[in-house]
């Protein structure tokens, strides 16, 4: 692919960002590629810093340096653009940021030569309706989570798929997950692991107060509507998107989630496949 400009998203409090940024700049200068930043960091005084909306609209490649949270934020901010994202892991787990720092230049060379696989990752459009008004809208790469707000109360969540009643979940909440998000919060709640290229949506109750409510996998074209049911007027529930954005739900609110027409495009590691990532990052299959 032809790269004329690179946008770099950095985790602000990560001490190793400066070193990785310097290597990106050295690689880019040799090829006369422009580097711009989403926010200033130490050692970046000579680089232009532009607003995120402008950055994502102008560059040919996004490099997210930090951890999974950095990549998730970039994947939401990118909106409907299909610019690829390369995640460089400086964190602990780094399941989405598949590339390690010592593999940086090799991956950049491969991207420039068109040799690196860019995976289309399904995303979710999330809307909150209060009566007939859309009062909030989000884009999720990992998951949509609806949980109880009160410390001591469970929450009832009437859930529908394409207008058909699925069930009323009674427990701590519900996770609506993409295949990418199946290895995040949903996995911690005993949900199934889906390969990133599987076109499906997972409904996974959180600590359901029932022995017969288990995770269910729905077709990717399902439109899922969740209606919190409150016993008291002061009750609320919380909507969280990718663990980073939130909204307080009140009586009568509806959360409608469906597949976004705009996938995120993530650069896959050329050094290990998804099963190897499961083994190395999650110790999956170990005895």
C-alpha atoms as a PDB file:
ATOM      1  CA  UNK A   1       0.000   0.000   0.000  1.00  0.00           C
ATOM      2  CA  UNK A   2       1.130   3.561  -0.641  1.00  0.00           C
ATOM      3  CA  UNK A   3       1.864   5.443   2.592  1.00  0.00           C
ATOM      4  CA  UNK A   4       2.367   9.193   2.495  1.00  0.00           C
ATOM      5  CA  UNK A   5       1.412   9.991   6.085  1.00  0.00           C
ATOM      6  CA  UNK A   6       1.230   8.149   9.405  1.00  0.00           C
ATOM      7  CA  UNK A   7      -0.856   9.131  12.398  1.00  0.00           C
ATOM      8  CA  UNK A   8       0.459   7.995  15.781  1.00  0.00           C
ATOM      9  CA  UNK A   9      -1.774   7.455  18.832  1.00  0.00           C
ATOM     10  CA  UNK A  10       0.129   7.081  22.089  1.00  0.00           C
ATOM     11  CA  UNK A  11      -0.795   6.054  25.592  1.00  0.00           C
ATOM     12  CA  UNK A  12       0.012   9.265  27.513  1.00  0.00           C
ATOM     13  CA  UNK A  13       1.442   7.716  30.681  1.00  0.00           C
ATOM     14  CA  UNK A  14       3.504   4.993  28.986  1.00  0.00           C
ATOM     15  CA  UNK A  15       7.214   5.732  29.583  1.00  0.00           C
ATOM     16  CA  UNK A  16       8.418   3.736  26.553  1.00  0.00           C
ATOM     17  CA  UNK A  17       6.352   5.692  24.029  1.00  0.00           C
ATOM     18  CA  UNK A  18       9.125   8.182  23.312  1.00  0.00           C
ATOM     19  CA  UNK A  19      11.566   5.468  22.242  1.00  0.00           C
ATOM     20  CA  UNK A  20       9.049   3.773  19.950  1.00  0.00           C
ATOM     21  CA  UNK A  21       7.959   7.101  18.479  1.00  0.00           C
ATOM     22  CA  UNK A  22      11.584   7.927  17.679  1.00  0.00           C
ATOM     23  CA  UNK A  23      11.945   4.694  15.744  1.00  0.00           C
ATOM     24  CA  UNK A  24       8.757   5.383  13.791  1.00  0.00           C
ATOM     25  CA  UNK A  25      10.064   8.850  12.876  1.00  0.00           C
ATOM     26  CA  UNK A  26      13.449   7.481  11.746  1.00  0.00           C
ATOM     27  CA  UNK A  27      11.755   4.850   9.564  1.00  0.00           C
ATOM     28  CA  UNK A  28       9.355   7.419   8.080  1.00  0.00           C
ATOM     29  CA  UNK A  29      12.016  10.066   7.334  1.00  0.00           C
ATOM     30  CA  UNK A  30      14.042   7.602   5.274  1.00  0.00           C
ATOM     31  CA  UNK A  31      10.985   7.151   3.062  1.00  0.00           C
ATOM     32  CA  UNK A  32       9.823  10.790   3.104  1.00  0.00           C
ATOM     33  CA  UNK A  33       6.642   9.876   4.972  1.00  0.00           C
ATOM     34  CA  UNK A  34       4.972  12.485   7.164  1.00  0.00           C
ATOM     35  CA  UNK A  35       4.305  11.640  10.826  1.00  0.00           C
ATOM     36  CA  UNK A  36       1.595  13.448  12.811  1.00  0.00           C
ATOM     37  CA  UNK A  37       0.492  12.971  16.416  1.00  0.00           C
ATOM     38  CA  UNK A  38      -2.872  12.831  18.119  1.00  0.00           C
ATOM     39  CA  UNK A  39      -1.364  14.446  21.208  1.00  0.00           C
ATOM     40  CA  UNK A  40       2.067  15.773  22.221  1.00  0.00           C
ATOM     41  CA  UNK A  41       4.488  13.560  24.140  1.00  0.00           C
ATOM     42  CA  UNK A  42       8.060  13.915  25.328  1.00  0.00           C
ATOM     43  CA  UNK A  43      10.518  14.060  22.453  1.00  0.00           C
ATOM     44  CA  UNK A  44       7.898  15.040  19.865  1.00  0.00           C
ATOM     45  CA  UNK A  45       8.419  18.817  19.704  1.00  0.00           C
ATOM     46  CA  UNK A  46       9.273  18.717  15.984  1.00  0.00           C
ATOM     47  CA  UNK A  47       6.174  16.749  14.998  1.00  0.00           C
ATOM     48  CA  UNK A  48       2.805  18.294  14.104  1.00  0.00           C
ATOM     49  CA  UNK A  49      -0.063  17.653  16.519  1.00  0.00           C
ATOM     50  CA  UNK A  50      -3.571  17.866  15.083  1.00  0.00           C
ATOM     51  CA  UNK A  51      -7.074  17.247  16.392  1.00  0.00           C
ATOM     52  CA  UNK A  52      -8.129  13.560  16.341  1.00  0.00           C
ATOM     53  CA  UNK A  53     -10.957  14.179  13.859  1.00  0.00           C
ATOM     54  CA  UNK A  54      -8.526  15.725  11.382  1.00  0.00           C
ATOM     55  CA  UNK A  55      -5.819  13.149  12.008  1.00  0.00           C
ATOM     56  CA  UNK A  56      -8.018  10.173  11.251  1.00  0.00           C
ATOM     57  CA  UNK A  57      -9.320  11.845   8.103  1.00  0.00           C
ATOM     58  CA  UNK A  58      -5.899  12.658   6.651  1.00  0.00           C
ATOM     59  CA  UNK A  59      -3.472   9.806   7.239  1.00  0.00           C
ATOM     60  CA  UNK A  60      -2.889   6.532   5.373  1.00  0.00           C
ATOM     61  CA  UNK A  61      -1.931   4.448   8.414  1.00  0.00           C
ATOM     62  CA  UNK A  62      -2.642   4.663  12.143  1.00  0.00           C
ATOM     63  CA  UNK A  63      -0.074   3.307  14.592  1.00  0.00           C
ATOM     64  CA  UNK A  64      -1.502   2.768  18.087  1.00  0.00           C
ATOM     65  CA  UNK A  65       1.353   2.562  20.596  1.00  0.00           C
ATOM     66  CA  UNK A  66       0.460   1.336  24.074  1.00  0.00           C
ATOM     67  CA  UNK A  67      -2.027  -1.397  24.853  1.00  0.00           C
ATOM     68  CA  UNK A  68      -5.425  -2.670  23.793  1.00  0.00           C
ATOM     69  CA  UNK A  69      -7.143   0.423  25.194  1.00  0.00           C
ATOM     70  CA  UNK A  70      -5.116   2.661  22.888  1.00  0.00           C
ATOM     71  CA  UNK A  71      -6.126   0.618  19.861  1.00  0.00           C
ATOM     72  CA  UNK A  72      -9.781   0.500  20.940  1.00  0.00           C
ATOM     73  CA  UNK A  73      -9.864   4.275  21.225  1.00  0.00           C
ATOM     74  CA  UNK A  74      -8.341   4.650  17.757  1.00  0.00           C
ATOM     75  CA  UNK A  75     -10.781   2.136  16.264  1.00  0.00           C
ATOM     76  CA  UNK A  76     -13.752   4.148  17.552  1.00  0.00           C
ATOM     77  CA  UNK A  77     -12.333   7.531  16.590  1.00  0.00           C
ATOM     78  CA  UNK A  78     -11.621   6.428  13.054  1.00  0.00           C
ATOM     79  CA  UNK A  79     -15.357   6.346  12.341  1.00  0.00           C
ATOM     80  CA  UNK A  80     -16.299   5.124   8.878  1.00  0.00           C
ATOM     81  CA  UNK A  81     -12.823   5.416   7.344  1.00  0.00           C
ATOM     82  CA  UNK A  82     -11.076   2.202   6.309  1.00  0.00           C
ATOM     83  CA  UNK A  83      -7.553   3.357   7.160  1.00  0.00           C
ATOM     84  CA  UNK A  84      -5.622   0.413   8.691  1.00  0.00           C
ATOM     85  CA  UNK A  85      -4.453   0.374  12.305  1.00  0.00           C
ATOM     86  CA  UNK A  86      -1.171  -1.186  13.421  1.00  0.00           C
ATOM     87  CA  UNK A  87      -1.073  -1.900  17.159  1.00  0.00           C
ATOM     88  CA  UNK A  88       2.306  -1.889  18.945  1.00  0.00           C
ATOM     89  CA  UNK A  89       2.115  -3.487  22.387  1.00  0.00           C
ATOM     90  CA  UNK A  90       3.796  -1.769  25.324  1.00  0.00           C
ATOM     91  CA  UNK A  91       1.330  -3.059  27.904  1.00  0.00           C
ATOM     92  CA  UNK A  92       0.923  -6.314  29.786  1.00  0.00           C
ATOM     93  CA  UNK A  93      -1.520  -8.377  27.732  1.00  0.00           C
ATOM     94  CA  UNK A  94      -1.789  -6.687  24.355  1.00  0.00           C
ATOM     95  CA  UNK A  95      -4.249  -9.091  22.775  1.00  0.00           C
ATOM     96  CA  UNK A  96      -5.356  -6.606  20.107  1.00  0.00           C
ATOM     97  CA  UNK A  97      -1.970  -4.936  19.799  1.00  0.00           C
ATOM     98  CA  UNK A  98      -0.440  -8.061  18.303  1.00  0.00           C
ATOM     99  CA  UNK A  99       2.962  -6.649  17.326  1.00  0.00           C
ATOM    100  CA  UNK A 100       5.801  -6.349  19.843  1.00  0.00           C
ATOM    101  CA  UNK A 101       8.094  -3.333  19.839  1.00  0.00           C
ATOM    102  CA  UNK A 102      11.087  -5.268  18.444  1.00  0.00           C
ATOM    103  CA  UNK A 103       8.974  -6.208  15.398  1.00  0.00           C
ATOM    104  CA  UNK A 104       8.058  -2.588  14.537  1.00  0.00           C
ATOM    105  CA  UNK A 105      10.328  -1.834  11.584  1.00  0.00           C
ATOM    106  CA  UNK A 106       9.790  -5.258  10.032  1.00  0.00           C
ATOM    107  CA  UNK A 107       6.017  -4.774  10.132  1.00  0.00           C
ATOM    108  CA  UNK A 108       6.257  -1.279   8.678  1.00  0.00           C
ATOM    109  CA  UNK A 109       8.399  -2.588   5.829  1.00  0.00           C
ATOM    110  CA  UNK A 110       5.856  -5.312   5.136  1.00  0.00           C
ATOM    111  CA  UNK A 111       2.965  -2.839   5.174  1.00  0.00           C
ATOM    112  CA  UNK A 112       4.788  -0.550   2.743  1.00  0.00           C
ATOM    113  CA  UNK A 113       5.375  -3.514   0.406  1.00  0.00           C
ATOM    114  CA  UNK A 114       1.759  -4.649   0.717  1.00  0.00           C
ATOM    115  CA  UNK A 115       2.772  -7.918   2.360  1.00  0.00           C
ATOM    116  CA  UNK A 116       1.017  -7.550   5.697  1.00  0.00           C
ATOM    117  CA  UNK A 117      -2.486  -8.959   6.145  1.00  0.00           C
ATOM    118  CA  UNK A 118      -5.084  -6.340   7.057  1.00  0.00           C
ATOM    119  CA  UNK A 119      -8.050  -7.973   8.787  1.00  0.00           C
ATOM    120  CA  UNK A 120     -11.563  -6.529   8.628  1.00  0.00           C
ATOM    121  CA  UNK A 121     -12.916  -6.627  12.182  1.00  0.00           C
ATOM    122  CA  UNK A 122     -16.646  -6.358  12.736  1.00  0.00           C
ATOM    123  CA  UNK A 123     -17.916  -3.391  14.767  1.00  0.00           C
ATOM    124  CA  UNK A 124     -21.250  -2.578  16.375  1.00  0.00           C
ATOM    125  CA  UNK A 125     -23.438   0.509  16.019  1.00  0.00           C
ATOM    126  CA  UNK A 126     -25.016   1.283  19.381  1.00  0.00           C
ATOM    127  CA  UNK A 127     -27.951   3.656  19.878  1.00  0.00           C
ATOM    128  CA  UNK A 128     -29.821   4.651  23.044  1.00  0.00           C
ATOM    129  CA  UNK A 129     -33.456   5.641  22.556  1.00  0.00           C
ATOM    130  CA  UNK A 130     -35.542   7.547  25.089  1.00  0.00           C
ATOM    131  CA  UNK A 131     -39.074   7.153  23.798  1.00  0.00           C
ATOM    132  CA  UNK A 132     -38.555   7.886  20.075  1.00  0.00           C
ATOM    133  CA  UNK A 133     -35.501  10.116  20.433  1.00  0.00           C
ATOM    134  CA  UNK A 134     -31.964   8.846  19.875  1.00  0.00           C
ATOM    135  CA  UNK A 135     -30.132  10.339  22.856  1.00  0.00           C
ATOM    136  CA  UNK A 136     -26.742   8.655  22.460  1.00  0.00           C
ATOM    137  CA  UNK A 137     -24.804   6.844  19.748  1.00  0.00           C
ATOM    138  CA  UNK A 138     -21.579   4.844  19.888  1.00  0.00           C
ATOM    139  CA  UNK A 139     -19.327   2.587  17.828  1.00  0.00           C
ATOM    140  CA  UNK A 140     -17.880  -0.542  19.461  1.00  0.00           C
ATOM    141  CA  UNK A 141     -15.056  -2.827  18.385  1.00  0.00           C
ATOM    142  CA  UNK A 142     -15.106  -5.093  21.443  1.00  0.00           C
ATOM    143  CA  UNK A 143     -18.393  -5.020  23.287  1.00  0.00           C
ATOM    144  CA  UNK A 144     -21.466  -3.311  24.622  1.00  0.00           C
ATOM    145  CA  UNK A 145     -22.110  -3.920  28.318  1.00  0.00           C
ATOM    146  CA  UNK A 146     -25.255  -3.126  30.304  1.00  0.00           C
ATOM    147  CA  UNK A 147     -24.919  -3.511  34.058  1.00  0.00           C
ATOM    148  CA  UNK A 148     -26.755  -2.655  37.243  1.00  0.00           C
ATOM    149  CA  UNK A 149     -25.886   0.673  38.850  1.00  0.00           C
ATOM    150  CA  UNK A 150     -27.028   0.018  42.433  1.00  0.00           C
ATOM    151  CA  UNK A 151     -24.594  -1.961  44.558  1.00  0.00           C
ATOM    152  CA  UNK A 152     -27.042  -4.444  46.052  1.00  0.00           C
ATOM    153  CA  UNK A 153     -29.622  -4.922  43.279  1.00  0.00           C
ATOM    154  CA  UNK A 154     -29.751  -7.169  40.255  1.00  0.00           C
ATOM    155  CA  UNK A 155     -31.056  -5.852  36.952  1.00  0.00           C
ATOM    156  CA  UNK A 156     -33.720  -7.246  34.631  1.00  0.00           C
ATOM    157  CA  UNK A 157     -32.917  -6.841  30.923  1.00  0.00           C
ATOM    158  CA  UNK A 158     -35.608  -7.688  28.391  1.00  0.00           C
ATOM    159  CA  UNK A 159     -33.723  -8.718  25.288  1.00  0.00           C
ATOM    160  CA  UNK A 160     -34.956  -9.039  21.702  1.00  0.00           C
ATOM    161  CA  UNK A 161     -33.280 -10.156  18.453  1.00  0.00           C
ATOM    162  CA  UNK A 162     -34.870  -8.894  15.239  1.00  0.00           C
ATOM    163  CA  UNK A 163     -38.057  -8.224  17.209  1.00  0.00           C
ATOM    164  CA  UNK A 164     -38.295 -11.715  18.711  1.00  0.00           C
ATOM    165  CA  UNK A 165     -38.063 -12.060  22.494  1.00  0.00           C
ATOM    166  CA  UNK A 166     -34.840 -13.824  23.455  1.00  0.00           C
ATOM    167  CA  UNK A 167     -35.297 -13.761  27.229  1.00  0.00           C
ATOM    168  CA  UNK A 168     -35.247 -11.482  30.239  1.00  0.00           C
ATOM    169  CA  UNK A 169     -31.811 -11.662  31.800  1.00  0.00           C
ATOM    170  CA  UNK A 170     -31.873 -11.357  35.590  1.00  0.00           C
ATOM    171  CA  UNK A 171     -28.431 -10.797  37.067  1.00  0.00           C
ATOM    172  CA  UNK A 172     -25.547  -8.340  37.111  1.00  0.00           C
ATOM    173  CA  UNK A 173     -25.843  -7.441  33.438  1.00  0.00           C
ATOM    174  CA  UNK A 174     -25.365  -8.444  29.818  1.00  0.00           C
ATOM    175  CA  UNK A 175     -22.424  -8.364  27.390  1.00  0.00           C
ATOM    176  CA  UNK A 176     -23.070  -7.960  23.670  1.00  0.00           C
ATOM    177  CA  UNK A 177     -19.782  -8.915  22.051  1.00  0.00           C
ATOM    178  CA  UNK A 178     -18.179  -8.944  18.615  1.00  0.00           C
ATOM    179  CA  UNK A 179     -15.825 -11.790  17.654  1.00  0.00           C
ATOM    180  CA  UNK A 180     -12.926  -9.466  18.492  1.00  0.00           C
ATOM    181  CA  UNK A 181     -14.452  -8.787  21.911  1.00  0.00           C
ATOM    182  CA  UNK A 182     -15.050 -12.473  22.605  1.00  0.00           C
ATOM    183  CA  UNK A 183     -11.572 -12.653  24.172  1.00  0.00           C
ATOM    184  CA  UNK A 184     -12.186  -9.608  26.399  1.00  0.00           C
ATOM    185  CA  UNK A 185     -14.836  -9.152  29.127  1.00  0.00           C
ATOM    186  CA  UNK A 186     -17.046 -11.832  27.589  1.00  0.00           C
ATOM    187  CA  UNK A 187     -14.319 -14.435  28.021  1.00  0.00           C
ATOM    188  CA  UNK A 188     -13.958 -13.447  31.682  1.00  0.00           C
ATOM    189  CA  UNK A 189     -17.705 -14.100  32.012  1.00  0.00           C
ATOM    190  CA  UNK A 190     -17.271 -17.641  30.598  1.00  0.00           C
ATOM    191  CA  UNK A 191     -18.278 -16.737  27.057  1.00  0.00           C
ATOM    192  CA  UNK A 192     -17.105 -18.600  23.931  1.00  0.00           C
ATOM    193  CA  UNK A 193     -14.008 -17.641  21.953  1.00  0.00           C
ATOM    194  CA  UNK A 194     -14.757 -16.670  18.345  1.00  0.00           C
ATOM    195  CA  UNK A 195     -12.133 -16.262  15.659  1.00  0.00           C
ATOM    196  CA  UNK A 196     -12.027 -12.632  14.430  1.00  0.00           C
ATOM    197  CA  UNK A 197     -13.325 -13.539  10.955  1.00  0.00           C
ATOM    198  CA  UNK A 198     -16.459 -15.289  12.280  1.00  0.00           C
ATOM    199  CA  UNK A 199     -19.521 -13.201  11.496  1.00  0.00           C
ATOM    200  CA  UNK A 200     -21.551 -13.438  14.686  1.00  0.00           C
ATOM    201  CA  UNK A 201     -22.618 -11.607  17.835  1.00  0.00           C
ATOM    202  CA  UNK A 202     -22.408 -13.081  21.332  1.00  0.00           C
ATOM    203  CA  UNK A 203     -25.004 -12.430  24.052  1.00  0.00           C
ATOM    204  CA  UNK A 204     -23.428 -13.299  27.378  1.00  0.00           C
ATOM    205  CA  UNK A 205     -25.193 -12.711  30.730  1.00  0.00           C
ATOM    206  CA  UNK A 206     -23.075 -11.541  33.664  1.00  0.00           C
ATOM    207  CA  UNK A 207     -23.659 -13.633  36.789  1.00  0.00           C
ATOM    208  CA  UNK A 208     -27.181 -14.593  35.752  1.00  0.00           C
ATOM    209  CA  UNK A 209     -29.422 -15.410  38.715  1.00  0.00           C
ATOM    210  CA  UNK A 210     -30.489 -18.585  36.943  1.00  0.00           C
ATOM    211  CA  UNK A 211     -29.011 -21.984  36.119  1.00  0.00           C
ATOM    212  CA  UNK A 212     -30.402 -22.067  32.587  1.00  0.00           C
ATOM    213  CA  UNK A 213     -29.261 -18.744  31.084  1.00  0.00           C
ATOM    214  CA  UNK A 214     -26.045 -19.275  29.186  1.00  0.00           C
ATOM    215  CA  UNK A 215     -24.198 -17.425  26.405  1.00  0.00           C
ATOM    216  CA  UNK A 216     -25.783 -17.557  22.962  1.00  0.00           C
ATOM    217  CA  UNK A 217     -24.264 -16.846  19.537  1.00  0.00           C
ATOM    218  CA  UNK A 218     -26.468 -14.972  17.064  1.00  0.00           C
ATOM    219  CA  UNK A 219     -26.052 -14.230  13.347  1.00  0.00           C
ATOM    220  CA  UNK A 220     -24.127 -11.064  12.536  1.00  0.00           C
ATOM    221  CA  UNK A 221     -27.199  -9.439  10.956  1.00  0.00           C
ATOM    222  CA  UNK A 222     -29.201  -9.582  14.204  1.00  0.00           C
ATOM    223  CA  UNK A 223     -30.541  -6.313  15.572  1.00  0.00           C
ATOM    224  CA  UNK A 224     -30.499  -6.610  19.344  1.00  0.00           C
ATOM    225  CA  UNK A 225     -32.693  -4.470  21.557  1.00  0.00           C
ATOM    226  CA  UNK A 226     -32.305  -4.400  25.321  1.00  0.00           C
ATOM    227  CA  UNK A 227     -34.865  -2.781  27.610  1.00  0.00           C
ATOM    228  CA  UNK A 228     -33.900  -2.444  31.274  1.00  0.00           C
ATOM    229  CA  UNK A 229     -36.831  -3.102  33.598  1.00  0.00           C
ATOM    230  CA  UNK A 230     -36.704  -1.201  36.886  1.00  0.00           C
ATOM    231  CA  UNK A 231     -38.625  -1.947  40.077  1.00  0.00           C
ATOM    232  CA  UNK A 232     -38.116   1.508  41.596  1.00  0.00           C
ATOM    233  CA  UNK A 233     -38.187   4.954  40.020  1.00  0.00           C
ATOM    234  CA  UNK A 234     -34.691   5.733  41.280  1.00  0.00           C
ATOM    235  CA  UNK A 235     -33.171   2.617  39.696  1.00  0.00           C
ATOM    236  CA  UNK A 236     -30.705   3.036  36.835  1.00  0.00           C
ATOM    237  CA  UNK A 237     -28.431   0.881  34.706  1.00  0.00           C
ATOM    238  CA  UNK A 238     -25.138   1.691  33.041  1.00  0.00           C
ATOM    239  CA  UNK A 239     -24.212   1.257  29.385  1.00  0.00           C
ATOM    240  CA  UNK A 240     -20.476   0.897  28.723  1.00  0.00           C
ATOM    241  CA  UNK A 241     -18.910   0.727  25.261  1.00  0.00           C
ATOM    242  CA  UNK A 242     -15.482  -0.919  24.872  1.00  0.00           C
ATOM    243  CA  UNK A 243     -14.894  -0.230  28.565  1.00  0.00           C
ATOM    244  CA  UNK A 244     -14.181   3.418  27.727  1.00  0.00           C
ATOM    245  CA  UNK A 245     -17.449   5.286  27.117  1.00  0.00           C
ATOM    246  CA  UNK A 246     -20.528   5.217  29.314  1.00  0.00           C
ATOM    247  CA  UNK A 247     -24.149   6.321  29.559  1.00  0.00           C
ATOM    248  CA  UNK A 248     -26.657   6.105  32.417  1.00  0.00           C
ATOM    249  CA  UNK A 249     -29.885   4.383  31.438  1.00  0.00           C
ATOM    250  CA  UNK A 250     -33.190   5.282  33.040  1.00  0.00           C
ATOM    251  CA  UNK A 251     -36.781   3.984  32.920  1.00  0.00           C
ATOM    252  CA  UNK A 252     -38.064   3.551  29.374  1.00  0.00           C
ATOM    253  CA  UNK A 253     -34.644   3.677  27.709  1.00  0.00           C
ATOM    254  CA  UNK A 254     -33.847   1.170  24.966  1.00  0.00           C
ATOM    255  CA  UNK A 255     -30.406   0.094  23.736  1.00  0.00           C
ATOM    256  CA  UNK A 256     -30.352  -1.002  20.096  1.00  0.00           C
ATOM    257  CA  UNK A 257     -27.209  -2.727  18.816  1.00  0.00           C
ATOM    258  CA  UNK A 258     -26.505  -3.953  15.294  1.00  0.00           C
ATOM    259  CA  UNK A 259     -23.561  -4.649  13.057  1.00  0.00           C
ATOM    260  CA  UNK A 260     -21.944  -1.503  11.745  1.00  0.00           C
ATOM    261  CA  UNK A 261     -21.534  -1.263   7.955  1.00  0.00           C
ATOM    262  CA  UNK A 262     -18.013   0.011   8.641  1.00  0.00           C
ATOM    263  CA  UNK A 263     -15.494  -2.598   9.790  1.00  0.00           C
ATOM    264  CA  UNK A 264     -12.252  -1.697  11.533  1.00  0.00           C
ATOM    265  CA  UNK A 265      -9.136  -2.697   9.595  1.00  0.00           C
ATOM    266  CA  UNK A 266      -6.432  -4.099  11.854  1.00  0.00           C
ATOM    267  CA  UNK A 267      -2.944  -5.116  10.751  1.00  0.00           C
ATOM    268  CA  UNK A 268      -2.380  -8.735  11.781  1.00  0.00           C
ATOM    269  CA  UNK A 269       0.909  -9.958  13.168  1.00  0.00           C
ATOM    270  CA  UNK A 270       2.978 -11.744  10.517  1.00  0.00           C
ATOM    271  CA  UNK A 271       4.846 -13.622  13.226  1.00  0.00           C
ATOM    272  CA  UNK A 272       2.052 -15.591  14.921  1.00  0.00           C
ATOM    273  CA  UNK A 273      -1.473 -16.758  14.094  1.00  0.00           C
ATOM    274  CA  UNK A 274      -4.555 -16.363  16.288  1.00  0.00           C
ATOM    275  CA  UNK A 275      -4.111 -19.746  17.946  1.00  0.00           C
ATOM    276  CA  UNK A 276      -0.527 -18.862  18.859  1.00  0.00           C
ATOM    277  CA  UNK A 277      -1.753 -15.545  20.256  1.00  0.00           C
ATOM    278  CA  UNK A 278      -4.288 -17.429  22.400  1.00  0.00           C
ATOM    279  CA  UNK A 279      -1.481 -19.672  23.654  1.00  0.00           C
ATOM    280  CA  UNK A 280       1.038 -16.901  24.376  1.00  0.00           C
ATOM    281  CA  UNK A 281      -1.312 -14.197  25.688  1.00  0.00           C
ATOM    282  CA  UNK A 282      -3.950 -16.254  27.518  1.00  0.00           C
ATOM    283  CA  UNK A 283      -2.146 -19.569  28.122  1.00  0.00           C
ATOM    284  CA  UNK A 284      -5.067 -21.158  26.264  1.00  0.00           C
ATOM    285  CA  UNK A 285      -4.925 -24.947  26.047  1.00  0.00           C
ATOM    286  CA  UNK A 286      -2.086 -25.275  28.578  1.00  0.00           C
ATOM    287  CA  UNK A 287      -2.192 -28.135  31.041  1.00  0.00           C
END
